[in-house]
Amino acid sequence: MQALPTDHWPSFYTAVLSALCETEPQEATDLWRTLAEPQRCFVVEDRGAFIGTASLLSLRMTVPGGRLVDTGGSTMVSVQPTHRGRGVLDALMRHQLASLQRRGVPLAALTASEAPGCGRFGYGVAARQLSLDVASSRVRIAGHSAGGDAVELTVEDPHESLGACEEFYARQVPLRPGMLARTDGWELLPLLDPPAWRQSASPLRCVVAWMEGEVVGYARYAVAVGWSRTNLAEGVVRVRDIEARDPGTYATLWRFLLETELTSRVIAPDRPVDEPVLHLASDIRHCTPTVLDNLYLRVVDAPVALTARTYATGLDVVMEIHDDLAPWNRGCWRIEGDAGGAVCTRTYDAPDLSLDASALGSAYLGGVTLTELAGAGRVREHRPGALTTTTTAFASAVAPW
């Protein structure tokens, strides 16, 4: 296994796409070339060909309490079909984990092409996503949220409005666990809009919400016009992003999307599971929500990660961690904390709870409860009451995403 020479990026990315049986527009390939970090791309070779690939991205993720924590984004992990089942994937994932530990990065995250393999590397589902398919011809935004009448909307070119929208996005990042701060170049990823990806829809659009000259929200979307055999409009609004400062702005943006002319559906495929629109819709039965797995999280350095976040209530618990791939995490750790901060130190006291690395990854952001993991046999309670108090302390007021 070796780090990728800088001038070998085209071969590296070709190997990734080949292993995943994918093709990609040149615009996407060019952007990922600027975002990837060649010194953190790893390859396994056989007879001069890349038969295994993996890459790490330098990310910063919000954790409960609002702090941004260094996170390794595991991506472009692939093994050629001719070499699967030979331990190449295991070697790549172990190498990534060791690399992050050496660099002092306490968390790793990924979104999975295939879910079954993540658990054995210590990744757990930490955030889910809500996919909405709203029959906008049958649904209205009920009532008027406070402040909505003062909101003004303008439809703007997504590139021209990028600066103002990104400033607003940056203010939203600390408010929800799982959100990522964007460094230079990453702001272009939400605007990536190759014609081959549009599914007969329009180019990407952006509606910006203003109040007293200040941006208070925005939504990026595209419209696919369609007609029924009886000449009824059946267009679809495809929502890519929606961010709002307050309920009034949020309701105004959703009302705009639902009332787009010549459309009968609004599809929002990647939203938080606590999306408020479900409580604004006049008829929830025409919203068709589907919950899917989204972010998988791996705790690389347990004491650093558990100290970095805060806890909803006072907590003093001894947690035993089982971690086959990261021996430095194994053993018992005392977590003492509250909403103001926390410390996590190694202890030889008897554990109150025990769990493995993937269960800890699932519970870390507060979106998956320790209680539900215990119901699946993945968390064991040794001291009566410890499970309830720790579950309460690990909770997040908003769903991670």
Protein backbone atom coordinates (compact mmCIF):
# COMPACT_ATOMS: atom_id res chain seq x y z
CA MET A 1 0.00 0.00 0.00
CA GLN A 2 1.28 3.45 -0.85
CA ALA A 3 0.25 7.10 -0.98
CA LEU A 4 -0.83 8.33 -4.39
CA PRO A 5 1.74 10.22 -6.48
CA THR A 6 0.27 13.61 -7.40
CA ASP A 7 0.36 12.99 -11.15
CA HIS A 8 -1.50 9.67 -10.82
CA TRP A 9 -4.88 11.19 -9.93
CA PRO A 10 -6.55 10.39 -13.31
CA SER A 11 -5.63 6.71 -12.96
CA PHE A 12 -6.79 6.69 -9.34
CA TYR A 13 -10.22 8.16 -10.10
CA THR A 14 -10.66 5.96 -13.16
CA ALA A 15 -10.07 2.94 -10.93
CA VAL A 16 -12.68 4.18 -8.44
CA LEU A 17 -15.34 4.67 -11.12
CA SER A 18 -14.49 1.34 -12.75
CA ALA A 19 -14.82 -0.61 -9.49
CA LEU A 20 -18.19 1.00 -8.78
CA CYS A 21 -19.39 0.51 -12.38
CA GLU A 22 -20.08 4.24 -12.67
CA THR A 23 -19.51 6.97 -15.22
CA GLU A 24 -19.30 10.62 -14.32
CA PRO A 25 -19.50 13.93 -16.20
CA GLN A 26 -16.20 15.72 -16.65
CA GLU A 27 -17.40 18.65 -14.51
CA ALA A 28 -17.75 16.34 -11.50
CA THR A 29 -14.38 14.68 -12.09
CA ASP A 30 -12.66 18.06 -12.36
CA LEU A 31 -14.23 19.32 -9.13
CA TRP A 32 -13.33 16.20 -7.15
CA ARG A 33 -9.76 16.54 -8.38
CA THR A 34 -9.57 19.92 -6.63
CA LEU A 35 -11.25 18.66 -3.43
CA ALA A 36 -9.33 15.40 -3.00
CA GLU A 37 -6.00 15.41 -1.18
CA PRO A 38 -3.49 13.24 -3.08
CA GLN A 39 -1.26 12.85 -0.02
CA ARG A 40 -4.23 11.20 1.73
CA CYS A 41 -5.20 8.93 -1.16
CA PHE A 42 -3.98 5.34 -0.80
CA VAL A 43 -3.69 2.60 -3.39
CA VAL A 44 -3.01 -1.09 -3.57
CA GLU A 45 -1.32 -2.20 -6.79
CA ASP A 46 -1.10 -5.49 -8.63
CA ARG A 47 1.00 -5.78 -11.79
CA GLY A 48 1.14 -2.00 -12.07
CA ALA A 49 -2.65 -1.48 -11.87
CA PHE A 50 -4.61 0.13 -9.03
CA ILE A 51 -6.79 -2.68 -7.69
CA GLY A 52 -7.71 -0.97 -4.41
CA THR A 53 -8.27 2.71 -3.57
CA ALA A 54 -9.20 4.82 -0.57
CA SER A 55 -9.12 8.52 0.23
CA LEU A 56 -9.51 10.71 3.31
CA LEU A 57 -10.93 14.23 3.29
CA SER A 58 -10.06 16.85 5.90
CA LEU A 59 -13.46 17.80 7.33
CA ARG A 60 -14.75 19.61 10.41
CA MET A 61 -18.05 18.37 11.81
CA THR A 62 -20.43 19.88 14.35
CA VAL A 63 -20.96 17.73 17.45
CA PRO A 64 -23.54 18.17 20.23
CA GLY A 65 -22.79 21.47 21.93
CA GLY A 66 -21.88 23.23 18.67
CA ARG A 67 -18.14 22.58 18.56
CA LEU A 68 -16.46 21.80 15.23
CA VAL A 69 -14.32 18.66 15.49
CA ASP A 70 -11.71 17.42 13.01
CA THR A 71 -13.17 14.50 11.07
CA GLY A 72 -11.71 12.26 8.40
CA GLY A 73 -14.09 11.78 5.51
CA SER A 74 -13.61 8.25 4.19
CA THR A 75 -14.39 8.20 0.48
CA MET A 76 -13.44 6.71 -2.89
CA VAL A 77 -12.99 3.31 -1.24
CA SER A 78 -13.03 0.64 -3.94
CA VAL A 79 -11.71 -2.79 -4.82
CA GLN A 80 -11.69 -4.12 -8.37
CA PRO A 81 -14.02 -7.12 -8.90
CA THR A 82 -11.04 -9.29 -9.79
CA HIS A 83 -9.50 -8.82 -6.33
CA ARG A 84 -12.44 -8.91 -3.93
CA GLY A 85 -12.42 -11.34 -1.03
CA ARG A 86 -8.63 -11.14 -0.65
CA GLY A 87 -8.42 -8.73 2.29
CA VAL A 88 -7.75 -5.60 0.21
CA LEU A 89 -10.71 -3.71 1.67
CA ASP A 90 -9.73 -4.64 5.23
CA ALA A 91 -6.19 -3.43 4.62
CA LEU A 92 -7.38 -0.10 3.20
CA MET A 93 -9.81 0.60 6.04
CA ARG A 94 -7.29 -0.35 8.72
CA HIS A 95 -4.71 1.89 7.06
CA GLN A 96 -7.16 4.80 7.06
CA LEU A 97 -7.93 4.30 10.74
CA ALA A 98 -4.26 4.15 11.72
CA SER A 99 -3.54 7.25 9.62
CA LEU A 100 -6.25 9.24 11.39
CA GLN A 101 -5.05 8.08 14.80
CA ARG A 102 -1.48 9.17 14.03
CA ARG A 103 -2.71 12.60 12.94
CA GLY A 104 -4.85 13.08 16.05
CA VAL A 105 -8.20 13.15 14.21
CA PRO A 106 -10.82 11.83 16.68
CA LEU A 107 -13.68 11.05 14.25
CA ALA A 108 -14.17 9.44 10.86
CA ALA A 109 -17.31 9.60 8.75
CA LEU A 110 -18.67 8.24 5.50
CA THR A 111 -21.82 7.79 3.48
CA ALA A 112 -22.03 4.20 2.34
CA SER A 113 -22.59 2.82 -1.14
CA GLU A 114 -23.32 -0.47 0.59
CA ALA A 115 -24.26 -0.59 4.28
CA PRO A 116 -23.46 -4.16 5.41
CA GLY A 117 -19.67 -3.77 5.55
CA CYS A 118 -19.51 -0.63 7.69
CA GLY A 119 -20.10 -2.21 11.09
CA ARG A 120 -17.08 -4.46 11.00
CA PHE A 121 -14.86 -1.38 10.68
CA GLY A 122 -16.48 0.32 13.68
CA TYR A 123 -18.79 2.65 11.76
CA GLY A 124 -22.38 3.02 12.97
CA VAL A 125 -25.39 4.82 11.54
CA ALA A 126 -25.25 8.16 13.36
CA ALA A 127 -27.65 10.27 11.27
CA ARG A 128 -30.59 9.36 9.11
CA GLN A 129 -32.13 11.28 6.24
CA LEU A 130 -35.74 11.96 5.36
CA SER A 131 -36.81 11.67 1.74
CA LEU A 132 -40.03 13.56 0.94
CA ASP A 133 -42.28 13.18 -2.09
CA VAL A 134 -45.04 15.77 -1.66
CA ALA A 135 -48.14 15.89 -3.85
CA SER A 136 -48.12 19.67 -4.03
CA SER A 137 -51.41 19.74 -5.88
CA ARG A 138 -53.00 18.31 -2.72
CA VAL A 139 -50.91 19.96 0.03
CA ARG A 140 -50.67 23.53 1.25
CA ILE A 141 -48.63 25.13 4.00
CA ALA A 142 -51.17 25.58 6.78
CA GLY A 143 -51.50 29.03 8.31
CA HIS A 144 -48.86 31.76 8.44
CA SER A 145 -45.86 31.38 10.70
CA ALA A 146 -44.86 34.46 12.67
CA GLY A 147 -42.59 36.74 10.68
CA GLY A 148 -43.36 35.20 7.31
CA ASP A 149 -45.13 38.32 6.00
CA ALA A 150 -41.90 40.32 6.33
CA VAL A 151 -39.90 37.90 4.15
CA GLU A 152 -39.13 38.89 0.56
CA LEU A 153 -38.07 36.31 -2.04
CA THR A 154 -35.85 36.75 -5.08
CA VAL A 155 -34.96 34.09 -7.65
CA GLU A 156 -31.26 34.40 -8.46
CA ASP A 157 -28.52 32.63 -10.34
CA PRO A 158 -27.04 30.07 -7.90
CA HIS A 159 -23.49 31.15 -8.70
CA GLU A 160 -24.21 34.86 -8.30
CA SER A 161 -25.94 34.30 -4.95
CA LEU A 162 -23.32 31.83 -3.73
CA GLY A 163 -21.41 34.21 -1.46
CA ALA A 164 -24.48 35.39 0.45
CA CYS A 165 -25.89 31.87 0.74
CA GLU A 166 -22.58 30.46 1.99
CA GLU A 167 -22.31 33.15 4.67
CA PHE A 168 -25.77 32.12 5.83
CA TYR A 169 -24.92 28.41 5.68
CA ALA A 170 -21.85 28.99 7.86
CA ARG A 171 -24.10 30.45 10.56
CA GLN A 172 -26.29 27.34 10.44
CA VAL A 173 -23.46 24.82 10.79
CA PRO A 174 -23.03 25.03 14.61
CA LEU A 175 -26.77 24.53 15.16
CA ARG A 176 -27.08 20.90 14.05
CA PRO A 177 -24.75 17.95 14.83
CA GLY A 178 -23.38 16.29 11.73
CA MET A 179 -23.20 19.44 9.61
CA LEU A 180 -19.88 20.19 7.94
CA ALA A 181 -17.99 23.45 7.73
CA ARG A 182 -17.01 24.24 4.16
CA THR A 183 -13.42 25.13 3.34
CA ASP A 184 -12.32 26.71 0.06
CA GLY A 185 -13.72 24.85 -2.92
CA TRP A 186 -16.38 22.89 -1.06
CA GLU A 187 -18.96 25.63 -1.63
CA LEU A 188 -19.00 24.60 -5.31
CA LEU A 189 -20.15 21.04 -4.60
CA PRO A 190 -23.82 21.96 -3.94
CA LEU A 191 -23.84 23.83 -7.27
CA LEU A 192 -22.54 20.89 -9.31
CA ASP A 193 -25.17 20.56 -12.03
CA PRO A 194 -24.02 18.65 -15.13
CA PRO A 195 -26.77 18.30 -17.77
CA ALA A 196 -26.39 14.50 -17.60
CA TRP A 197 -27.61 14.57 -13.98
CA ARG A 198 -30.70 16.75 -14.48
CA GLN A 199 -33.23 14.03 -15.39
CA SER A 200 -34.92 16.36 -17.91
CA ALA A 201 -35.11 19.13 -15.30
CA SER A 202 -34.08 22.76 -15.65
CA PRO A 203 -30.65 24.03 -14.64
CA LEU A 204 -30.29 24.59 -10.90
CA ARG A 205 -32.15 27.61 -9.51
CA CYS A 206 -31.92 29.48 -6.21
CA VAL A 207 -34.61 31.39 -4.33
CA VAL A 208 -33.17 33.69 -1.65
CA ALA A 209 -35.16 34.93 1.35
CA TRP A 210 -34.49 38.48 2.58
CA MET A 211 -35.57 40.42 5.64
CA GLU A 212 -34.54 44.06 6.10
CA GLY A 213 -31.73 43.64 3.57
CA GLU A 214 -30.30 40.50 5.22
CA VAL A 215 -30.31 36.96 3.83
CA VAL A 216 -32.39 34.81 6.17
CA GLY A 217 -32.67 31.66 4.06
CA TYR A 218 -32.48 30.10 0.64
CA ALA A 219 -33.52 27.06 -1.36
CA ARG A 220 -31.82 25.51 -4.38
CA TYR A 221 -34.02 23.54 -6.73
CA ALA A 222 -34.75 22.51 -10.31
CA VAL A 223 -38.01 22.07 -12.18
CA ALA A 224 -38.88 19.22 -14.54
CA VAL A 225 -41.94 20.15 -16.59
CA GLY A 226 -44.35 17.33 -17.46
CA TRP A 227 -47.87 16.81 -18.77
CA SER A 228 -50.45 14.07 -18.41
CA ARG A 229 -52.29 12.45 -21.33
CA THR A 230 -55.22 14.73 -20.54
CA ASN A 231 -52.99 17.81 -20.74
CA LEU A 232 -52.73 18.39 -16.98
CA ALA A 233 -49.49 19.81 -15.63
CA GLU A 234 -47.43 17.16 -13.83
CA GLY A 235 -44.13 18.95 -13.33
CA VAL A 236 -41.77 18.09 -10.49
CA VAL A 237 -39.76 20.43 -8.23
CA ARG A 238 -36.52 18.75 -7.17
CA VAL A 239 -35.15 20.35 -4.00
CA ARG A 240 -31.43 20.19 -3.38
CA ASP A 241 -31.01 22.55 -0.40
CA ILE A 242 -33.24 24.53 1.92
CA GLU A 243 -31.97 26.55 4.87
CA ALA A 244 -33.90 29.08 6.97
CA ARG A 245 -33.20 31.22 10.01
CA ASP A 246 -36.67 31.07 11.57
CA PRO A 247 -40.09 29.39 11.18
CA GLY A 248 -41.56 32.25 9.17
CA THR A 249 -38.79 32.11 6.57
CA TYR A 250 -38.92 28.33 6.48
CA ALA A 251 -42.67 28.28 5.83
CA THR A 252 -42.33 30.97 3.16
CA LEU A 253 -39.69 29.00 1.26
CA TRP A 254 -41.72 25.78 1.37
CA ARG A 255 -44.84 27.64 0.24
CA PHE A 256 -42.90 29.00 -2.73
CA LEU A 257 -41.70 25.51 -3.71
CA LEU A 258 -45.14 23.93 -3.36
CA GLU A 259 -46.79 26.66 -5.40
CA THR A 260 -44.41 26.51 -8.35
CA GLU A 261 -46.52 26.79 -11.50
CA LEU A 262 -47.12 23.78 -13.77
CA THR A 263 -45.93 21.32 -11.11
CA SER A 264 -47.77 18.74 -9.02
CA ARG A 265 -44.95 17.22 -6.91
CA VAL A 266 -42.06 18.41 -4.79
CA ILE A 267 -39.28 15.90 -4.16
CA ALA A 268 -36.78 16.62 -1.37
CA PRO A 269 -34.53 13.54 -1.17
CA ASP A 270 -32.15 14.49 1.65
CA ARG A 271 -33.59 16.30 4.66
CA PRO A 272 -33.23 15.92 8.45
CA VAL A 273 -35.65 13.47 10.03
CA ASP A 274 -37.11 16.26 12.19
CA GLU A 275 -38.02 18.36 9.14
CA PRO A 276 -40.71 20.83 10.34
CA VAL A 277 -42.62 20.85 7.04
CA LEU A 278 -44.37 17.67 8.17
CA HIS A 279 -46.06 19.80 10.84
CA LEU A 280 -46.96 22.58 8.40
CA ALA A 281 -48.43 20.45 5.62
CA SER A 282 -52.22 20.58 5.35
CA ASP A 283 -52.34 16.83 4.62
CA ILE A 284 -49.41 14.72 5.79
CA ARG A 285 -50.75 11.67 3.96
CA HIS A 286 -49.73 13.30 0.68
CA CYS A 287 -46.14 13.91 1.83
CA THR A 288 -44.84 10.29 1.62
CA PRO A 289 -41.85 10.46 4.00
CA THR A 290 -39.19 7.75 3.75
CA VAL A 291 -36.38 7.41 6.30
CA LEU A 292 -33.01 6.11 5.09
CA ASP A 293 -29.55 5.69 6.55
CA ASN A 294 -27.23 8.61 5.87
CA LEU A 295 -24.09 9.38 7.87
CA TYR A 296 -21.95 6.58 9.31
CA LEU A 297 -19.61 7.63 12.10
CA ARG A 298 -16.50 6.03 13.56
CA VAL A 299 -14.95 7.14 16.85
CA VAL A 300 -11.21 7.06 16.19
CA ASP A 301 -10.02 8.43 19.55
CA ALA A 302 -12.65 7.78 22.23
CA PRO A 303 -11.45 10.06 25.06
CA VAL A 304 -10.88 13.02 22.72
CA ALA A 305 -14.20 12.55 20.93
CA LEU A 306 -16.21 12.07 24.14
CA THR A 307 -14.61 15.16 25.66
CA ALA A 308 -15.28 17.28 22.55
CA ARG A 309 -19.08 17.12 22.82
CA THR A 310 -21.37 18.30 25.58
CA TYR A 311 -24.19 16.39 27.30
CA ALA A 312 -27.83 17.34 27.74
CA THR A 313 -27.85 16.56 31.48
CA GLY A 314 -25.26 15.89 34.15
CA LEU A 315 -23.42 12.65 33.47
CA ASP A 316 -21.01 10.48 35.42
CA VAL A 317 -20.76 7.05 33.83
CA VAL A 318 -18.13 4.38 33.26
CA MET A 319 -18.35 3.08 29.71
CA GLU A 320 -16.54 -0.04 28.53
CA ILE A 321 -15.63 0.03 24.84
CA HIS A 322 -14.88 -3.05 22.76
CA ASP A 323 -12.87 -2.12 19.67
CA ASP A 324 -11.06 -4.79 17.69
CA LEU A 325 -9.46 -2.38 15.18
CA ALA A 326 -8.42 0.41 17.54
CA PRO A 327 -6.81 -1.12 20.64
CA TRP A 328 -6.13 2.35 22.07
CA ASN A 329 -9.91 2.72 22.57
CA ARG A 330 -10.41 -0.56 24.42
CA GLY A 331 -11.23 -0.64 28.11
CA CYS A 332 -13.21 1.46 30.55
CA TRP A 333 -13.60 5.23 30.36
CA ARG A 334 -15.23 7.57 32.86
CA ILE A 335 -17.28 10.32 31.20
CA GLU A 336 -18.11 13.29 33.42
CA GLY A 337 -19.94 16.16 31.82
CA ASP A 338 -22.97 18.34 31.33
CA ALA A 339 -24.14 21.10 28.97
CA GLY A 340 -21.04 23.14 29.77
CA GLY A 341 -18.37 20.58 28.86
CA ALA A 342 -16.95 17.19 29.64
CA VAL A 343 -13.87 15.16 30.48
CA CYS A 344 -13.20 11.53 29.62
CA THR A 345 -10.46 9.61 31.42
CA ARG A 346 -9.37 6.00 31.54
CA THR A 347 -10.46 4.12 34.66
CA TYR A 348 -10.19 0.64 36.11
CA ASP A 349 -13.55 0.90 37.87
CA ALA A 350 -16.28 -1.58 36.96
CA PRO A 351 -18.29 -0.50 33.90
CA ASP A 352 -21.83 0.86 34.09
CA LEU A 353 -22.39 0.20 30.38
CA SER A 354 -20.52 -1.70 27.68
CA LEU A 355 -20.74 -1.41 23.90
CA ASP A 356 -18.67 -1.85 20.76
CA ALA A 357 -17.17 0.80 18.48
CA SER A 358 -20.00 0.83 15.93
CA ALA A 359 -22.64 1.29 18.65
CA LEU A 360 -20.64 4.19 20.07
CA GLY A 361 -20.44 5.72 16.58
CA SER A 362 -24.21 5.44 16.22
CA ALA A 363 -24.93 7.08 19.59
CA TYR A 364 -22.26 9.80 19.45
CA LEU A 365 -24.25 12.55 17.68
CA GLY A 366 -27.43 11.88 19.67
CA GLY A 367 -29.57 10.72 16.76
CA VAL A 368 -29.61 7.04 17.73
CA THR A 369 -30.38 6.33 21.38
CA LEU A 370 -28.43 3.99 23.58
CA THR A 371 -31.80 2.56 24.65
CA GLU A 372 -32.69 1.42 21.14
CA LEU A 373 -29.21 -0.03 20.71
CA ALA A 374 -29.64 -1.88 24.00
CA GLY A 375 -32.92 -3.26 22.70
CA ALA A 376 -30.94 -4.77 19.83
CA GLY A 377 -28.42 -6.27 22.29
CA ARG A 378 -25.66 -3.88 21.23
CA VAL A 379 -25.38 -2.06 24.58
CA ARG A 380 -25.28 -3.86 27.93
CA GLU A 381 -26.28 -2.24 31.21
CA HIS A 382 -24.32 -3.35 34.28
CA ARG A 383 -25.59 -0.80 36.80
CA PRO A 384 -29.38 -0.38 37.00
CA GLY A 385 -30.46 3.07 35.81
CA ALA A 386 -27.20 3.81 33.96
CA LEU A 387 -28.77 3.19 30.55
CA THR A 388 -31.60 5.68 31.09
CA THR A 389 -29.43 8.47 32.49
CA THR A 390 -26.75 8.06 29.83
CA THR A 391 -29.32 7.93 27.03
CA THR A 392 -30.80 11.20 28.27
CA ALA A 393 -27.38 12.85 28.50
CA PHE A 394 -26.33 11.75 24.99
CA ALA A 395 -29.50 13.17 23.40
CA SER A 396 -29.45 16.04 20.90
CA ALA A 397 -32.20 18.66 20.82
CA VAL A 398 -32.18 18.52 17.00
CA ALA A 399 -31.65 15.46 14.83
CA PRO A 400 -28.13 15.12 13.47
CA TRP A 401 -27.78 15.45 9.71
